[in-house]
All heavy atoms as atom14 arrays in JSON, in Angstrom:
{
  "sequence": "PMVDRLRLTPGIIATLQEGCLQLASMADIIGEISGMREQPSGIRVGQM",
  "atom14_mask": [
    [1, 1, 1, 1, 1, 1, 1, 0, 0, 0, 0, 0, 0, 0],
    [1, 1, 1, 1, 1, 1, 1, 1, 0, 0, 0, 0, 0, 0],
    [1, 1, 1, 1, 1, 1, 1, 0, 0, 0, 0, 0, 0, 0],
    [1, 1, 1, 1, 1, 1, 1, 1, 0, 0, 0, 0, 0, 0],
    [1, 1, 1, 1, 1, 1, 1, 1, 1, 1, 1, 0, 0, 0],
    [1, 1, 1, 1, 1, 1, 1, 1, 0, 0, 0, 0, 0, 0],
    [1, 1, 1, 1, 1, 1, 1, 1, 1, 1, 1, 0, 0, 0],
    [1, 1, 1, 1, 1, 1, 1, 1, 0, 0, 0, 0, 0, 0],
    [1, 1, 1, 1, 1, 1, 1, 0, 0, 0, 0, 0, 0, 0],
    [1, 1, 1, 1, 1, 1, 1, 0, 0, 0, 0, 0, 0, 0],
    [1, 1, 1, 1, 0, 0, 0, 0, 0, 0, 0, 0, 0, 0],
    [1, 1, 1, 1, 1, 1, 1, 1, 0, 0, 0, 0, 0, 0],
    [1, 1, 1, 1, 1, 1, 1, 1, 0, 0, 0, 0, 0, 0],
    [1, 1, 1, 1, 1, 0, 0, 0, 0, 0, 0, 0, 0, 0],
    [1, 1, 1, 1, 1, 1, 1, 0, 0, 0, 0, 0, 0, 0],
    [1, 1, 1, 1, 1, 1, 1, 1, 0, 0, 0, 0, 0, 0],
    [1, 1, 1, 1, 1, 1, 1, 1, 1, 0, 0, 0, 0, 0],
    [1, 1, 1, 1, 1, 1, 1, 1, 1, 0, 0, 0, 0, 0],
    [1, 1, 1, 1, 0, 0, 0, 0, 0, 0, 0, 0, 0, 0],
    [1, 1, 1, 1, 1, 1, 0, 0, 0, 0, 0, 0, 0, 0],
    [1, 1, 1, 1, 1, 1, 1, 1, 0, 0, 0, 0, 0, 0],
    [1, 1, 1, 1, 1, 1, 1, 1, 1, 0, 0, 0, 0, 0],
    [1, 1, 1, 1, 1, 1, 1, 1, 0, 0, 0, 0, 0, 0],
    [1, 1, 1, 1, 1, 0, 0, 0, 0, 0, 0, 0, 0, 0],
    [1, 1, 1, 1, 1, 1, 0, 0, 0, 0, 0, 0, 0, 0],
    [1, 1, 1, 1, 1, 1, 1, 1, 0, 0, 0, 0, 0, 0],
    [1, 1, 1, 1, 1, 0, 0, 0, 0, 0, 0, 0, 0, 0],
    [1, 1, 1, 1, 1, 1, 1, 1, 0, 0, 0, 0, 0, 0],
    [1, 1, 1, 1, 1, 1, 1, 1, 0, 0, 0, 0, 0, 0],
    [1, 1, 1, 1, 1, 1, 1, 1, 0, 0, 0, 0, 0, 0],
    [1, 1, 1, 1, 0, 0, 0, 0, 0, 0, 0, 0, 0, 0],
    [1, 1, 1, 1, 1, 1, 1, 1, 1, 0, 0, 0, 0, 0],
    [1, 1, 1, 1, 1, 1, 1, 1, 0, 0, 0, 0, 0, 0],
    [1, 1, 1, 1, 1, 1, 0, 0, 0, 0, 0, 0, 0, 0],
    [1, 1, 1, 1, 0, 0, 0, 0, 0, 0, 0, 0, 0, 0],
    [1, 1, 1, 1, 1, 1, 1, 1, 0, 0, 0, 0, 0, 0],
    [1, 1, 1, 1, 1, 1, 1, 1, 1, 1, 1, 0, 0, 0],
    [1, 1, 1, 1, 1, 1, 1, 1, 1, 0, 0, 0, 0, 0],
    [1, 1, 1, 1, 1, 1, 1, 1, 1, 0, 0, 0, 0, 0],
    [1, 1, 1, 1, 1, 1, 1, 0, 0, 0, 0, 0, 0, 0],
    [1, 1, 1, 1, 1, 1, 0, 0, 0, 0, 0, 0, 0, 0],
    [1, 1, 1, 1, 0, 0, 0, 0, 0, 0, 0, 0, 0, 0],
    [1, 1, 1, 1, 1, 1, 1, 1, 0, 0, 0, 0, 0, 0],
    [1, 1, 1, 1, 1, 1, 1, 1, 1, 1, 1, 0, 0, 0],
    [1, 1, 1, 1, 1, 1, 1, 0, 0, 0, 0, 0, 0, 0],
    [1, 1, 1, 1, 0, 0, 0, 0, 0, 0, 0, 0, 0, 0],
    [1, 1, 1, 1, 1, 1, 1, 1, 1, 0, 0, 0, 0, 0],
    [1, 1, 1, 1, 1, 1, 1, 1, 0, 0, 0, 0, 0, 0]
  ],
  "atom14_positions": [
    [[81.65, -3.52, 37.13], [80.65, -2.44, 37.11], [79.26, -2.9, 37.53], [78.51, -2.15, 38.15], [80.65, -2.0, 35.63], [81.97, -2.39, 35.11], [82.3, -3.66, 35.82], [0.0, 0.0, 0.0], [0.0, 0.0, 0.0], [0.0, 0.0, 0.0], [0.0, 0.0, 0.0], [0.0, 0.0, 0.0], [0.0, 0.0, 0.0], [0.0, 0.0, 0.0]],
    [[78.91, -4.16, 37.23], [77.61, -4.69, 37.62], [77.56, -4.96, 39.13], [76.54, -4.74, 39.78], [77.3, -5.97, 36.84], [77.33, -5.8, 35.32], [76.26, -4.44, 34.75], [74.66, -5.13, 35.13], [0.0, 0.0, 0.0], [0.0, 0.0, 0.0], [0.0, 0.0, 0.0], [0.0, 0.0, 0.0], [0.0, 0.0, 0.0], [0.0, 0.0, 0.0]],
    [[78.67, -5.44, 39.68], [78.74, -5.63, 41.13], [78.62, -4.28, 41.83], [77.95, -4.16, 42.87], [80.06, -6.34, 41.54], [80.2, -6.38, 43.06], [80.11, -7.74, 40.96], [0.0, 0.0, 0.0], [0.0, 0.0, 0.0], [0.0, 0.0, 0.0], [0.0, 0.0, 0.0], [0.0, 0.0, 0.0], [0.0, 0.0, 0.0], [0.0, 0.0, 0.0]],
    [[79.25, -3.27, 41.26], [79.19, -1.93, 41.81], [77.75, -1.44, 41.93], [77.38, -0.75, 42.88], [80.01, -0.97, 40.94], [80.12, 0.43, 41.54], [80.46, 0.53, 42.74], [79.89, 1.4, 40.81], [0.0, 0.0, 0.0], [0.0, 0.0, 0.0], [0.0, 0.0, 0.0], [0.0, 0.0, 0.0], [0.0, 0.0, 0.0], [0.0, 0.0, 0.0]],
    [[76.92, -1.8, 40.96], [75.53, -1.39, 40.97], [74.74, -2.02, 42.13], [73.68, -1.53, 42.51], [74.85, -1.75, 39.65], [75.33, -0.96, 38.45], [74.53, -1.33, 37.22], [74.87, -0.48, 36.09], [74.12, -0.35, 34.99], [73.0, -1.02, 34.89], [74.5, 0.43, 34.01], [0.0, 0.0, 0.0], [0.0, 0.0, 0.0], [0.0, 0.0, 0.0]],
    [[75.24, -3.11, 42.66], [74.55, -3.82, 43.73], [74.76, -3.19, 45.1], [73.98, -3.42, 46.02], [75.05, -5.27, 43.81], [74.51, -6.28, 42.81], [75.21, -7.62, 42.99], [73.01, -6.45, 42.99], [0.0, 0.0, 0.0], [0.0, 0.0, 0.0], [0.0, 0.0, 0.0], [0.0, 0.0, 0.0], [0.0, 0.0, 0.0], [0.0, 0.0, 0.0]],
    [[75.82, -2.44, 45.26], [76.25, -2.02, 46.6], [75.33, -0.96, 47.2], [74.96, 0.02, 46.55], [77.68, -1.48, 46.54], [78.71, -2.51, 46.08], [80.12, -1.99, 46.21], [81.08, -2.88, 45.58], [81.58, -3.98, 46.15], [81.21, -4.3, 47.38], [82.46, -4.73, 45.49], [0.0, 0.0, 0.0], [0.0, 0.0, 0.0], [0.0, 0.0, 0.0]],
    [[74.99, -1.18, 48.47], [74.25, -0.19, 49.25], [75.22, 0.44, 50.24], [75.32, 0.05, 51.39], [73.09, -0.85, 50.01], [71.83, -1.19, 49.22], [70.84, -1.94, 50.1], [71.17, 0.07, 48.65], [0.0, 0.0, 0.0], [0.0, 0.0, 0.0], [0.0, 0.0, 0.0], [0.0, 0.0, 0.0], [0.0, 0.0, 0.0], [0.0, 0.0, 0.0]],
    [[75.97, 1.41, 49.77], [76.96, 2.07, 50.62], [76.26, 3.08, 51.54], [75.12, 3.48, 51.28], [77.99, 2.81, 49.76], [77.32, 3.87, 49.04], [78.66, 1.86, 48.76], [0.0, 0.0, 0.0], [0.0, 0.0, 0.0], [0.0, 0.0, 0.0], [0.0, 0.0, 0.0], [0.0, 0.0, 0.0], [0.0, 0.0, 0.0], [0.0, 0.0, 0.0]],
    [[76.93, 3.52, 52.61], [76.34, 4.57, 53.45], [75.96, 5.81, 52.65], [74.94, 6.46, 52.95], [77.46, 4.87, 54.47], [78.22, 3.57, 54.57], [78.2, 3.0, 53.19], [0.0, 0.0, 0.0], [0.0, 0.0, 0.0], [0.0, 0.0, 0.0], [0.0, 0.0, 0.0], [0.0, 0.0, 0.0], [0.0, 0.0, 0.0], [0.0, 0.0, 0.0]],
    [[76.78, 6.14, 51.64], [76.46, 7.3, 50.79], [75.18, 7.11, 50.02], [74.37, 8.04, 49.88], [0.0, 0.0, 0.0], [0.0, 0.0, 0.0], [0.0, 0.0, 0.0], [0.0, 0.0, 0.0], [0.0, 0.0, 0.0], [0.0, 0.0, 0.0], [0.0, 0.0, 0.0], [0.0, 0.0, 0.0], [0.0, 0.0, 0.0], [0.0, 0.0, 0.0]],
    [[74.97, 5.9, 49.49], [73.74, 5.61, 48.75], [72.53, 5.66, 49.68], [71.49, 6.22, 49.32], [73.86, 4.25, 48.04], [74.86, 4.36, 46.88], [72.5, 3.78, 47.54], [75.19, 3.04, 46.21], [0.0, 0.0, 0.0], [0.0, 0.0, 0.0], [0.0, 0.0, 0.0], [0.0, 0.0, 0.0], [0.0, 0.0, 0.0], [0.0, 0.0, 0.0]],
    [[72.67, 5.09, 50.86], [71.57, 5.14, 51.84], [71.23, 6.58, 52.19], [70.05, 6.95, 52.27], [71.93, 4.35, 53.1], [72.13, 2.86, 52.79], [70.87, 4.52, 54.18], [70.9, 2.16, 52.29], [0.0, 0.0, 0.0], [0.0, 0.0, 0.0], [0.0, 0.0, 0.0], [0.0, 0.0, 0.0], [0.0, 0.0, 0.0], [0.0, 0.0, 0.0]],
    [[72.26, 7.4, 52.41], [72.03, 8.81, 52.74], [71.31, 9.53, 51.6], [70.42, 10.36, 51.84], [73.36, 9.5, 53.05], [0.0, 0.0, 0.0], [0.0, 0.0, 0.0], [0.0, 0.0, 0.0], [0.0, 0.0, 0.0], [0.0, 0.0, 0.0], [0.0, 0.0, 0.0], [0.0, 0.0, 0.0], [0.0, 0.0, 0.0], [0.0, 0.0, 0.0]],
    [[71.67, 9.21, 50.35], [71.01, 9.8, 49.21], [69.55, 9.37, 49.14], [68.66, 10.18, 48.83], [71.73, 9.42, 47.9], [73.07, 9.91, 47.94], [71.03, 10.01, 46.69], [0.0, 0.0, 0.0], [0.0, 0.0, 0.0], [0.0, 0.0, 0.0], [0.0, 0.0, 0.0], [0.0, 0.0, 0.0], [0.0, 0.0, 0.0], [0.0, 0.0, 0.0]],
    [[69.27, 8.12, 49.43], [67.89, 7.63, 49.45], [67.08, 8.34, 50.53], [65.92, 8.72, 50.29], [67.87, 6.12, 49.68], [68.43, 5.25, 48.55], [68.49, 3.79, 48.98], [67.61, 5.4, 47.28], [0.0, 0.0, 0.0], [0.0, 0.0, 0.0], [0.0, 0.0, 0.0], [0.0, 0.0, 0.0], [0.0, 0.0, 0.0], [0.0, 0.0, 0.0]],
    [[67.68, 8.53, 51.69], [67.0, 9.26, 52.76], [66.67, 10.68, 52.32], [65.55, 11.17, 52.53], [67.88, 9.3, 54.01], [68.01, 7.99, 54.76], [68.91, 8.15, 55.97], [70.13, 8.08, 55.87], [68.3, 8.37, 57.13], [0.0, 0.0, 0.0], [0.0, 0.0, 0.0], [0.0, 0.0, 0.0], [0.0, 0.0, 0.0], [0.0, 0.0, 0.0]],
    [[67.67, 11.34, 51.74], [67.47, 12.72, 51.28], [66.38, 12.79, 50.23], [65.57, 13.73, 50.21], [68.78, 13.29, 50.75], [68.72, 14.79, 50.48], [70.06, 15.38, 50.09], [71.11, 14.71, 50.3], [70.07, 16.5, 49.57], [0.0, 0.0, 0.0], [0.0, 0.0, 0.0], [0.0, 0.0, 0.0], [0.0, 0.0, 0.0], [0.0, 0.0, 0.0]],
    [[66.35, 11.8, 49.32], [65.31, 11.76, 48.3], [63.92, 11.65, 48.9], [62.98, 12.32, 48.46], [0.0, 0.0, 0.0], [0.0, 0.0, 0.0], [0.0, 0.0, 0.0], [0.0, 0.0, 0.0], [0.0, 0.0, 0.0], [0.0, 0.0, 0.0], [0.0, 0.0, 0.0], [0.0, 0.0, 0.0], [0.0, 0.0, 0.0], [0.0, 0.0, 0.0]],
    [[63.76, 10.8, 49.91], [62.48, 10.66, 50.59], [62.05, 11.97, 51.24], [60.89, 12.39, 51.14], [62.55, 9.55, 51.63], [62.68, 7.87, 50.97], [0.0, 0.0, 0.0], [0.0, 0.0, 0.0], [0.0, 0.0, 0.0], [0.0, 0.0, 0.0], [0.0, 0.0, 0.0], [0.0, 0.0, 0.0], [0.0, 0.0, 0.0], [0.0, 0.0, 0.0]],
    [[62.98, 12.61, 51.94], [62.68, 13.87, 52.62], [62.38, 14.98, 51.62], [61.52, 15.83, 51.86], [63.84, 14.25, 53.54], [64.08, 13.31, 54.72], [65.34, 13.69, 55.48], [62.87, 13.29, 55.66], [0.0, 0.0, 0.0], [0.0, 0.0, 0.0], [0.0, 0.0, 0.0], [0.0, 0.0, 0.0], [0.0, 0.0, 0.0], [0.0, 0.0, 0.0]],
    [[63.11, 14.98, 50.51], [62.86, 15.97, 49.47], [61.45, 15.8, 48.91], [60.72, 16.79, 48.71], [63.91, 15.83, 48.36], [63.94, 16.99, 47.37], [65.04, 16.83, 46.33], [64.81, 16.37, 45.22], [66.25, 17.18, 46.7], [0.0, 0.0, 0.0], [0.0, 0.0, 0.0], [0.0, 0.0, 0.0], [0.0, 0.0, 0.0], [0.0, 0.0, 0.0]],
    [[61.06, 14.56, 48.66], [59.7, 14.31, 48.17], [58.67, 14.75, 49.19], [57.64, 15.35, 48.83], [59.53, 12.82, 47.86], [60.07, 12.3, 46.54], [59.97, 10.78, 46.49], [59.32, 12.9, 45.36], [0.0, 0.0, 0.0], [0.0, 0.0, 0.0], [0.0, 0.0, 0.0], [0.0, 0.0, 0.0], [0.0, 0.0, 0.0], [0.0, 0.0, 0.0]],
    [[58.91, 14.46, 50.45], [57.95, 14.83, 51.5], [57.76, 16.34, 51.6], [56.68, 16.81, 51.97], [58.42, 14.27, 52.85], [0.0, 0.0, 0.0], [0.0, 0.0, 0.0], [0.0, 0.0, 0.0], [0.0, 0.0, 0.0], [0.0, 0.0, 0.0], [0.0, 0.0, 0.0], [0.0, 0.0, 0.0], [0.0, 0.0, 0.0], [0.0, 0.0, 0.0]],
    [[58.78, 17.09, 51.26], [58.71, 18.55, 51.35], [58.07, 19.19, 50.12], [57.75, 20.38, 50.13], [60.11, 19.14, 51.57], [60.91, 18.95, 50.41], [0.0, 0.0, 0.0], [0.0, 0.0, 0.0], [0.0, 0.0, 0.0], [0.0, 0.0, 0.0], [0.0, 0.0, 0.0], [0.0, 0.0, 0.0], [0.0, 0.0, 0.0], [0.0, 0.0, 0.0]],
    [[57.91, 18.42, 49.06], [57.36, 18.96, 47.82], [55.84, 19.05, 47.89], [55.18, 18.28, 48.6], [57.78, 18.09, 46.63], [59.28, 18.11, 46.36], [59.81, 16.89, 45.14], [59.05, 17.54, 43.65], [0.0, 0.0, 0.0], [0.0, 0.0, 0.0], [0.0, 0.0, 0.0], [0.0, 0.0, 0.0], [0.0, 0.0, 0.0], [0.0, 0.0, 0.0]],
    [[55.29, 20.0, 47.15], [53.84, 20.16, 47.1], [53.2, 18.92, 46.48], [53.77, 18.28, 45.6], [53.49, 21.4, 46.27], [0.0, 0.0, 0.0], [0.0, 0.0, 0.0], [0.0, 0.0, 0.0], [0.0, 0.0, 0.0], [0.0, 0.0, 0.0], [0.0, 0.0, 0.0], [0.0, 0.0, 0.0], [0.0, 0.0, 0.0], [0.0, 0.0, 0.0]],
    [[52.02, 18.58, 46.94], [51.26, 17.46, 46.4], [50.53, 17.95, 45.15], [49.73, 18.86, 45.2], [50.26, 16.93, 47.42], [49.68, 15.58, 47.03], [49.81, 15.2, 45.85], [49.1, 14.9, 47.9], [0.0, 0.0, 0.0], [0.0, 0.0, 0.0], [0.0, 0.0, 0.0], [0.0, 0.0, 0.0], [0.0, 0.0, 0.0], [0.0, 0.0, 0.0]],
    [[50.8, 17.3, 44.01], [50.2, 17.75, 42.75], [48.92, 16.99, 42.41], [48.23, 17.35, 41.44], [51.2, 17.63, 41.59], [51.64, 16.17, 41.38], [52.41, 18.52, 41.84], [52.5, 15.97, 40.14], [0.0, 0.0, 0.0], [0.0, 0.0, 0.0], [0.0, 0.0, 0.0], [0.0, 0.0, 0.0], [0.0, 0.0, 0.0], [0.0, 0.0, 0.0]],
    [[48.61, 15.96, 43.18], [47.41, 15.18, 42.89], [46.16, 16.02, 43.17], [46.02, 16.63, 44.23], [47.38, 13.89, 43.73], [48.61, 13.03, 43.43], [46.1, 13.1, 43.46], [48.77, 12.66, 41.97], [0.0, 0.0, 0.0], [0.0, 0.0, 0.0], [0.0, 0.0, 0.0], [0.0, 0.0, 0.0], [0.0, 0.0, 0.0], [0.0, 0.0, 0.0]],
    [[45.25, 16.04, 42.21], [44.03, 16.85, 42.33], [44.18, 18.26, 41.82], [43.2, 19.01, 41.76], [0.0, 0.0, 0.0], [0.0, 0.0, 0.0], [0.0, 0.0, 0.0], [0.0, 0.0, 0.0], [0.0, 0.0, 0.0], [0.0, 0.0, 0.0], [0.0, 0.0, 0.0], [0.0, 0.0, 0.0], [0.0, 0.0, 0.0], [0.0, 0.0, 0.0]],
    [[45.38, 18.63, 41.42], [45.63, 19.97, 40.89], [44.87, 20.16, 39.58], [44.91, 19.31, 38.7], [47.13, 20.12, 40.65], [47.73, 21.42, 40.73], [49.24, 21.39, 40.6], [49.73, 21.03, 39.52], [49.93, 21.71, 41.57], [0.0, 0.0, 0.0], [0.0, 0.0, 0.0], [0.0, 0.0, 0.0], [0.0, 0.0, 0.0], [0.0, 0.0, 0.0]],
    [[44.17, 21.29, 39.44], [43.43, 21.59, 38.22], [44.11, 22.76, 37.52], [44.4, 23.79, 38.13], [41.96, 21.92, 38.52], [41.26, 20.7, 39.12], [41.24, 22.36, 37.24], [39.81, 20.95, 39.52], [0.0, 0.0, 0.0], [0.0, 0.0, 0.0], [0.0, 0.0, 0.0], [0.0, 0.0, 0.0], [0.0, 0.0, 0.0], [0.0, 0.0, 0.0]],
    [[44.38, 22.58, 36.24], [45.06, 23.63, 35.47], [44.3, 23.91, 34.18], [43.51, 23.1, 33.71], [46.49, 23.18, 35.15], [46.49, 21.98, 34.38], [0.0, 0.0, 0.0], [0.0, 0.0, 0.0], [0.0, 0.0, 0.0], [0.0, 0.0, 0.0], [0.0, 0.0, 0.0], [0.0, 0.0, 0.0], [0.0, 0.0, 0.0], [0.0, 0.0, 0.0]],
    [[44.58, 25.09, 33.64], [44.03, 25.45, 32.33], [42.54, 25.63, 32.27], [41.93, 25.44, 31.2], [0.0, 0.0, 0.0], [0.0, 0.0, 0.0], [0.0, 0.0, 0.0], [0.0, 0.0, 0.0], [0.0, 0.0, 0.0], [0.0, 0.0, 0.0], [0.0, 0.0, 0.0], [0.0, 0.0, 0.0], [0.0, 0.0, 0.0], [0.0, 0.0, 0.0]],
    [[41.91, 25.96, 33.4], [40.46, 26.1, 33.41], [40.04, 27.29, 32.54], [40.47, 28.43, 32.77], [39.97, 26.27, 34.85], [38.46, 26.27, 35.01], [37.69, 24.69, 34.6], [38.15, 23.69, 36.02], [0.0, 0.0, 0.0], [0.0, 0.0, 0.0], [0.0, 0.0, 0.0], [0.0, 0.0, 0.0], [0.0, 0.0, 0.0], [0.0, 0.0, 0.0]],
    [[39.2, 27.01, 31.54], [38.74, 28.05, 30.62], [37.23, 27.92, 30.39], [36.72, 26.81, 30.26], [39.45, 27.95, 29.27], [40.95, 28.15, 29.32], [41.59, 28.06, 27.95], [41.35, 26.77, 27.32], [42.1, 25.69, 27.54], [43.13, 25.75, 28.36], [41.83, 24.55, 26.93], [0.0, 0.0, 0.0], [0.0, 0.0, 0.0], [0.0, 0.0, 0.0]],
    [[36.56, 29.08, 30.34], [35.13, 29.07, 30.06], [34.89, 29.04, 28.56], [35.52, 29.76, 27.79], [34.45, 30.3, 30.67], [32.92, 30.26, 30.53], [32.22, 31.31, 31.36], [32.81, 31.81, 32.33], [31.05, 31.61, 31.03], [0.0, 0.0, 0.0], [0.0, 0.0, 0.0], [0.0, 0.0, 0.0], [0.0, 0.0, 0.0], [0.0, 0.0, 0.0]],
    [[33.98, 28.15, 28.14], [33.64, 28.0, 26.74], [32.39, 28.82, 26.4], [31.63, 29.23, 27.3], [33.41, 26.52, 26.42], [34.59, 25.63, 26.75], [35.85, 26.08, 26.05], [35.87, 26.25, 24.82], [36.93, 26.29, 26.81], [0.0, 0.0, 0.0], [0.0, 0.0, 0.0], [0.0, 0.0, 0.0], [0.0, 0.0, 0.0], [0.0, 0.0, 0.0]],
    [[32.16, 29.07, 25.1], [30.98, 29.85, 24.71], [29.67, 29.27, 25.24], [28.71, 30.01, 25.47], [31.03, 29.81, 23.18], [32.49, 29.64, 22.86], [33.02, 28.77, 23.94], [0.0, 0.0, 0.0], [0.0, 0.0, 0.0], [0.0, 0.0, 0.0], [0.0, 0.0, 0.0], [0.0, 0.0, 0.0], [0.0, 0.0, 0.0], [0.0, 0.0, 0.0]],
    [[29.63, 27.96, 25.45], [28.41, 27.33, 25.96], [28.15, 27.65, 27.42], [27.05, 27.4, 27.94], [28.51, 25.81, 25.8], [29.61, 25.32, 26.58], [0.0, 0.0, 0.0], [0.0, 0.0, 0.0], [0.0, 0.0, 0.0], [0.0, 0.0, 0.0], [0.0, 0.0, 0.0], [0.0, 0.0, 0.0], [0.0, 0.0, 0.0], [0.0, 0.0, 0.0]],
    [[29.16, 28.17, 28.12], [29.04, 28.46, 29.54], [29.77, 27.47, 30.43], [30.02, 27.76, 31.61], [0.0, 0.0, 0.0], [0.0, 0.0, 0.0], [0.0, 0.0, 0.0], [0.0, 0.0, 0.0], [0.0, 0.0, 0.0], [0.0, 0.0, 0.0], [0.0, 0.0, 0.0], [0.0, 0.0, 0.0], [0.0, 0.0, 0.0], [0.0, 0.0, 0.0]],
    [[30.1, 26.27, 29.91], [30.83, 25.3, 30.71], [32.28, 25.75, 30.87], [32.82, 26.48, 30.03], [30.79, 23.88, 30.08], [31.46, 23.88, 28.71], [29.36, 23.37, 30.02], [31.64, 22.48, 28.11], [0.0, 0.0, 0.0], [0.0, 0.0, 0.0], [0.0, 0.0, 0.0], [0.0, 0.0, 0.0], [0.0, 0.0, 0.0], [0.0, 0.0, 0.0]],
    [[32.91, 25.31, 31.95], [34.32, 25.56, 32.15], [35.07, 24.24, 32.06], [34.68, 23.24, 32.67], [34.56, 26.23, 33.5], [34.06, 27.68, 33.56], [34.43, 28.33, 34.88], [33.75, 27.72, 35.99], [34.22, 27.7, 37.23], [35.39, 28.23, 37.51], [33.52, 27.12, 38.19], [0.0, 0.0, 0.0], [0.0, 0.0, 0.0], [0.0, 0.0, 0.0]],
    [[36.15, 24.22, 31.28], [36.9, 23.0, 30.99], [38.35, 23.16, 31.45], [38.99, 24.17, 31.15], [36.87, 22.67, 29.47], [37.66, 21.39, 29.19], [35.43, 22.53, 28.99], [0.0, 0.0, 0.0], [0.0, 0.0, 0.0], [0.0, 0.0, 0.0], [0.0, 0.0, 0.0], [0.0, 0.0, 0.0], [0.0, 0.0, 0.0], [0.0, 0.0, 0.0]],
    [[38.84, 22.19, 32.2], [40.23, 22.2, 32.64], [40.75, 20.78, 32.72], [40.1, 19.82, 32.27], [0.0, 0.0, 0.0], [0.0, 0.0, 0.0], [0.0, 0.0, 0.0], [0.0, 0.0, 0.0], [0.0, 0.0, 0.0], [0.0, 0.0, 0.0], [0.0, 0.0, 0.0], [0.0, 0.0, 0.0], [0.0, 0.0, 0.0], [0.0, 0.0, 0.0]],
    [[41.94, 20.63, 33.29], [42.54, 19.31, 33.43], [42.99, 19.09, 34.87], [43.61, 19.97, 35.48], [43.74, 19.16, 32.48], [43.35, 19.04, 31.01], [44.53, 18.84, 30.11], [45.39, 19.73, 30.0], [44.62, 17.69, 29.46], [0.0, 0.0, 0.0], [0.0, 0.0, 0.0], [0.0, 0.0, 0.0], [0.0, 0.0, 0.0], [0.0, 0.0, 0.0]],
    [[42.69, 17.91, 35.38], [43.06, 17.54, 36.75], [44.15, 16.47, 36.7], [44.06, 15.52, 35.93], [41.85, 16.99, 37.5], [42.18, 16.5, 38.91], [40.75, 15.78, 39.77], [39.8, 17.27, 40.13], [0.0, 0.0, 0.0], [0.0, 0.0, 0.0], [0.0, 0.0, 0.0], [0.0, 0.0, 0.0], [0.0, 0.0, 0.0], [0.0, 0.0, 0.0]]
  ]
}
């Protein structure tokens, strides 16, 4: 079973390729701001 974990079969390579392409097609979440709410003081607070 441990040797099996070492193998880079064509199927595994294809899955790695698909994973890269899937990531590339996903929206970039870096810099996303959520939960922006105005406080009684007038400031607006959210999370990036």
